[in-house]
Amino acid sequence: MATIDIHNLSGEKVGTLDLADEIFGAVNEDLLWEAVKHYRAGQRAGTHKTKARWEVSGSGKKLWKQKGTGRARIGSIRSPLWRHGSTVHGPVPRSYDYTFPRKKLMGALRSALASKLADGKLIVVNAFDVKEPKTKEFRKALNSLKVDKTVLIVEEAKHENHNLQLSARNIDGLELIVSNEVHPFHILRYDRVIFSQPAIEKLQVSLKSSVSKRQHKPGEGEDEAAKKPTHERRRKTRHEKAAEVA
C-alpha cells in the first residue's frame, strides 16, 4: 500500500496517509481521453446557426419567366446558389452532451489521481486553516508547498471555508472545487493538485465502492481445473466417454 506525506500550510510534514492500491494503481490513458472528451463536449455552447431558405430576407417572386430568356431558370432570390442566399444543411443549435457511464467516470478519476501521484504532483494538507482572507498570505502558503504553476485545490464539500474562497479567488491559475464535484478533467488540467485530508479520505471511500468486484485476486482454495489453461480444460468427446465406460 502506497503512502503520501501530509503537510500543513507552512510546508511542514505532520503525518502520513495510506493510499489504496485499487485507486492509486495503474493508469488507463484511453479512459482518461474518453472522460476529458465527454467533459469538453458538455461545455460546448452549441449556439451555432445559419439561416435556412425560409429565414433569409428577400422576395419570393420569380425573377423572370421560365422559358425564352436564354438564362438559367430561377425561382427565388433566396436560393442558396445566389449571393446573400440561404445555407443548405447548415448548423443549427444543439447540445453536444451525451451520457457517460458512471463506472467509466469513476475509473477515469482513479486513473487521474494515480497519474498525479506517479508524477509527484499530488499534495495533501491536514486542513486549509486560513485565519484571515488575505491573498498575499495564502500565496506564501502555496510557495511553502512548492506550487509554482497552476494548481487545483480540493476541499471537503461540507466544510464551508469562506476565508479560503476569498484568499484564493484572485490568484491566477488557481481553481477551488469541492470534493464531490471533482472531475478527471480538473485534475489533468492543472500542474498540481492539493487535497485537504478530509476531502481525499472521503473521496477514497467513494472510489473504493466503485471498484468492480471482478478486479480481485484468485483465492487459494480454487479448483485446480480452473487454474489450467483453456486448451487443457476442453470437453470430452463421445468416443472418449464411451472408452471410459468400456
Protein backbone atom coordinates (compact mmCIF):
# COMPACT_ATOMS: atom_id res chain seq x y z
CA MET A 1 0.00 0.00 0.00
CA ALA A 2 1.37 3.38 -1.02
CA THR A 3 1.61 6.29 1.40
CA ILE A 4 1.76 10.05 0.98
CA ASP A 5 3.03 12.74 3.33
CA ILE A 6 0.61 15.16 4.96
CA HIS A 7 1.78 18.77 5.28
CA ASN A 8 0.44 21.90 6.87
CA LEU A 9 0.19 25.26 5.13
CA SER A 10 3.71 26.08 6.29
CA GLY A 11 5.08 23.15 4.28
CA GLU A 12 5.97 21.07 7.35
CA LYS A 13 5.30 17.33 7.42
CA VAL A 14 2.73 16.46 10.08
CA GLY A 15 1.91 12.84 9.21
CA THR A 16 1.30 10.24 6.52
CA LEU A 17 -1.78 8.87 4.77
CA ASP A 18 -2.28 5.35 3.40
CA LEU A 19 -3.47 5.21 -0.19
CA ALA A 20 -5.50 2.29 -1.52
CA ASP A 21 -3.80 0.25 -4.24
CA GLU A 22 -7.06 -0.21 -6.18
CA ILE A 23 -7.34 3.59 -6.54
CA PHE A 24 -3.74 4.73 -6.92
CA GLY A 25 -2.66 1.87 -9.14
CA ALA A 26 -2.50 1.57 -12.93
CA VAL A 27 -3.27 4.47 -15.27
CA ASN A 28 -5.75 3.89 -18.10
CA GLU A 29 -4.90 6.59 -20.67
CA ASP A 30 -7.72 5.58 -23.04
CA LEU A 31 -10.28 6.01 -20.28
CA LEU A 32 -8.84 9.41 -19.38
CA TRP A 33 -9.18 10.51 -23.00
CA GLU A 34 -12.82 9.45 -23.07
CA ALA A 35 -13.62 11.28 -19.82
CA VAL A 36 -11.98 14.51 -21.00
CA LYS A 37 -13.75 14.31 -24.35
CA HIS A 38 -17.11 13.86 -22.60
CA TYR A 39 -16.49 16.80 -20.25
CA ARG A 40 -15.45 19.16 -23.05
CA ALA A 41 -18.43 18.11 -25.17
CA GLY A 42 -20.74 19.11 -22.32
CA GLN A 43 -19.04 22.52 -22.11
CA ARG A 44 -19.80 23.38 -25.74
CA ALA A 45 -22.44 26.08 -26.14
CA GLY A 46 -23.87 24.69 -29.37
CA THR A 47 -25.29 28.10 -30.37
CA HIS A 48 -24.10 27.95 -33.99
CA LYS A 49 -26.80 28.82 -36.51
CA THR A 50 -27.15 29.57 -40.22
CA LYS A 51 -30.26 30.84 -42.00
CA ALA A 52 -32.38 28.42 -43.97
CA ARG A 53 -34.24 29.42 -47.12
CA TRP A 54 -37.35 30.50 -45.27
CA GLU A 55 -35.35 32.73 -42.91
CA VAL A 56 -33.42 34.77 -45.49
CA SER A 57 -34.85 38.20 -46.30
CA GLY A 58 -35.92 38.75 -49.88
CA SER A 59 -38.89 38.47 -52.16
CA GLY A 60 -40.29 35.15 -53.24
CA LYS A 61 -41.25 36.47 -56.63
CA LYS A 62 -39.99 34.62 -59.69
CA LEU A 63 -37.33 36.89 -61.20
CA TRP A 64 -38.02 36.10 -64.87
CA LYS A 65 -40.14 33.74 -66.86
CA GLN A 66 -39.23 30.09 -67.03
CA LYS A 67 -38.50 29.88 -70.75
CA GLY A 68 -37.44 32.08 -73.60
CA THR A 69 -34.79 34.27 -71.95
CA GLY A 70 -31.80 32.04 -72.60
CA ARG A 71 -30.83 32.20 -68.94
CA ALA A 72 -30.97 29.51 -66.30
CA ARG A 73 -34.32 29.06 -64.66
CA ILE A 74 -34.63 30.60 -61.20
CA GLY A 75 -37.50 30.62 -58.75
CA SER A 76 -36.37 32.85 -55.88
CA ILE A 77 -33.65 35.32 -54.98
CA ARG A 78 -33.22 33.43 -51.70
CA SER A 79 -31.78 30.39 -53.44
CA PRO A 80 -28.56 29.01 -51.89
CA LEU A 81 -26.93 29.33 -55.32
CA TRP A 82 -27.11 33.10 -55.15
CA ARG A 83 -25.09 35.63 -53.18
CA HIS A 84 -26.86 36.58 -49.92
CA GLY A 85 -28.93 33.44 -50.30
CA SER A 86 -29.64 30.73 -47.74
CA THR A 87 -27.34 27.94 -46.48
CA VAL A 88 -28.02 24.31 -47.28
CA HIS A 89 -27.74 21.81 -44.40
CA GLY A 90 -26.11 24.41 -42.17
CA PRO A 91 -25.54 24.00 -38.42
CA VAL A 92 -28.44 24.53 -36.02
CA PRO A 93 -28.44 24.99 -32.22
CA ARG A 94 -27.90 21.65 -30.48
CA SER A 95 -26.45 20.07 -27.37
CA TYR A 96 -23.21 18.12 -27.68
CA ASP A 97 -23.64 16.44 -24.31
CA TYR A 98 -24.07 12.67 -24.17
CA THR A 99 -24.38 10.05 -21.49
CA PHE A 100 -21.21 8.63 -19.97
CA PRO A 101 -21.29 5.52 -17.76
CA ARG A 102 -20.65 6.27 -14.10
CA LYS A 103 -18.29 3.30 -13.73
CA LYS A 104 -16.12 4.62 -16.54
CA LEU A 105 -16.12 8.09 -14.97
CA MET A 106 -15.03 6.68 -11.60
CA GLY A 107 -12.35 4.62 -13.34
CA ALA A 108 -11.07 7.72 -15.11
CA LEU A 109 -10.97 9.59 -11.80
CA ARG A 110 -8.89 6.80 -10.26
CA SER A 111 -6.51 6.92 -13.22
CA ALA A 112 -6.18 10.71 -12.97
CA LEU A 113 -5.28 10.51 -9.28
CA ALA A 114 -2.82 7.70 -9.93
CA SER A 115 -1.20 9.75 -12.68
CA LYS A 116 -0.71 12.76 -10.41
CA LEU A 117 0.71 10.58 -7.65
CA ALA A 118 3.16 8.93 -10.06
CA ASP A 119 4.32 12.36 -11.24
CA GLY A 120 4.82 13.54 -7.65
CA LYS A 121 2.34 16.38 -8.10
CA LEU A 122 -0.30 15.30 -5.60
CA ILE A 123 -0.20 17.20 -2.30
CA VAL A 124 -2.23 16.57 0.86
CA VAL A 125 -2.59 19.13 3.66
CA ASN A 126 -4.12 18.44 7.03
CA ALA A 127 -6.52 21.41 6.74
CA PHE A 128 -6.87 24.74 5.00
CA ASP A 129 -6.73 26.80 8.17
CA VAL A 130 -6.83 30.27 6.67
CA LYS A 131 -7.23 32.68 9.57
CA GLU A 132 -7.61 35.85 7.53
CA PRO A 133 -8.93 36.35 3.98
CA LYS A 134 -5.66 37.68 2.56
CA THR A 135 -4.38 36.65 -0.85
CA LYS A 136 -0.78 37.52 -0.02
CA GLU A 137 -0.65 35.18 2.97
CA PHE A 138 -2.22 32.33 1.03
CA ARG A 139 0.28 32.87 -1.79
CA LYS A 140 3.05 32.39 0.77
CA ALA A 141 1.44 29.12 1.84
CA LEU A 142 1.42 27.91 -1.77
CA ASN A 143 5.07 28.82 -2.12
CA SER A 144 5.82 26.77 1.00
CA LEU A 145 4.13 23.79 -0.68
CA LYS A 146 6.34 24.34 -3.78
CA VAL A 147 3.48 25.38 -6.03
CA ASP A 148 4.97 27.49 -8.82
CA LYS A 149 2.47 26.87 -11.64
CA THR A 150 -1.24 26.20 -11.92
CA VAL A 151 -2.93 24.42 -9.03
CA LEU A 152 -6.27 22.80 -8.21
CA ILE A 153 -7.44 22.96 -4.58
CA VAL A 154 -9.98 20.38 -3.43
CA GLU A 155 -11.82 20.96 -0.16
CA GLU A 156 -14.43 18.82 1.57
CA ALA A 157 -17.96 19.57 0.38
CA LYS A 158 -19.48 20.05 3.84
CA HIS A 159 -16.67 22.29 5.05
CA GLU A 160 -17.57 25.89 4.13
CA ASN A 161 -14.26 27.75 4.26
CA HIS A 162 -15.17 31.35 3.46
CA ASN A 163 -11.70 32.69 4.18
CA LEU A 164 -10.20 30.17 1.75
CA GLN A 165 -12.56 31.26 -1.01
CA LEU A 166 -11.72 34.94 -0.53
CA SER A 167 -7.98 34.28 -0.32
CA ALA A 168 -7.79 32.06 -3.40
CA ARG A 169 -10.15 33.77 -5.84
CA ASN A 170 -7.67 36.43 -7.05
CA ILE A 171 -4.73 34.08 -7.72
CA ASP A 172 -4.12 33.37 -11.40
CA GLY A 173 -4.01 29.72 -12.40
CA LEU A 174 -5.84 28.53 -9.27
CA GLU A 175 -9.23 26.84 -9.07
CA LEU A 176 -11.06 25.89 -5.88
CA ILE A 177 -13.51 23.00 -6.04
CA VAL A 178 -15.33 20.74 -3.59
CA SER A 179 -14.59 17.02 -3.40
CA ASN A 180 -17.96 15.81 -4.74
CA GLU A 181 -17.57 17.88 -7.93
CA VAL A 182 -14.01 16.96 -8.88
CA HIS A 183 -13.63 15.58 -12.41
CA PRO A 184 -10.68 13.92 -14.20
CA PHE A 185 -10.57 16.97 -16.47
CA HIS A 186 -9.88 19.23 -13.46
CA ILE A 187 -7.06 17.02 -12.20
CA LEU A 188 -5.35 16.76 -15.58
CA ARG A 189 -5.79 20.43 -16.42
CA TYR A 190 -3.66 21.78 -13.57
CA ASP A 191 0.00 21.18 -12.82
CA ARG A 192 -0.51 20.33 -9.14
CA VAL A 193 -3.47 19.17 -7.07
CA ILE A 194 -3.82 19.94 -3.36
CA PHE A 195 -6.33 17.93 -1.31
CA SER A 196 -7.33 18.54 2.24
CA GLN A 197 -7.04 15.37 4.32
CA PRO A 198 -10.83 15.03 4.95
CA ALA A 199 -11.52 15.56 1.23
CA ILE A 200 -9.16 12.84 -0.04
CA GLU A 201 -10.24 10.39 2.66
CA LYS A 202 -13.88 10.82 1.71
CA LEU A 203 -13.03 10.55 -1.98
CA GLN A 204 -11.14 7.31 -1.35
CA VAL A 205 -14.21 5.78 0.27
CA SER A 206 -16.38 6.72 -2.72
CA LEU A 207 -13.88 5.41 -5.26
CA LYS A 208 -13.37 2.14 -3.37
CA SER A 209 -17.08 1.39 -3.59
CA SER A 210 -16.99 1.95 -7.36
CA VAL A 211 -14.24 -0.62 -8.00
CA SER A 212 -15.59 -3.63 -9.88
CA LYS A 213 -15.83 -6.88 -7.91
CA ARG A 214 -14.18 -8.68 -10.84
CA GLN A 215 -10.93 -6.93 -10.03
CA HIS A 216 -9.81 -9.40 -7.36
CA LYS A 217 -7.05 -11.91 -7.00
CA PRO A 218 -7.98 -15.62 -7.18
CA GLY A 219 -8.18 -17.35 -3.81
CA GLU A 220 -6.00 -20.14 -2.64
CA GLY A 221 -8.88 -22.63 -2.43
CA GLU A 222 -9.82 -22.50 -6.11
CA ASP A 223 -10.31 -25.68 -8.05
CA GLU A 224 -7.15 -26.88 -9.77
CA ALA A 225 -9.06 -27.39 -13.01
CA ALA A 226 -9.96 -23.71 -13.11
CA LYS A 227 -6.28 -22.79 -12.98
CA LYS A 228 -5.43 -24.87 -16.06
CA PRO A 229 -5.13 -23.18 -19.45
CA THR A 230 -8.23 -23.09 -21.62
CA HIS A 231 -6.91 -25.60 -24.14
CA GLU A 232 -6.46 -28.18 -21.36
CA ARG A 233 -9.99 -27.74 -19.99
CA ARG A 234 -11.82 -28.88 -23.13
CA ARG A 235 -14.86 -31.13 -23.01
CA LYS A 236 -14.50 -34.83 -23.63
CA THR A 237 -15.84 -36.24 -26.89
CA ARG A 238 -18.44 -39.03 -27.14
CA HIS A 239 -15.78 -41.57 -28.12
CA GLU A 240 -13.63 -40.70 -25.09
CA LYS A 241 -16.61 -41.05 -22.73
CA ALA A 242 -17.56 -44.42 -24.32
CA ALA A 243 -13.98 -45.65 -23.94
CA GLU A 244 -14.01 -44.79 -20.22
CA VAL A 245 -17.27 -46.69 -19.69
CA ALA A 246 -15.94 -49.73 -21.55
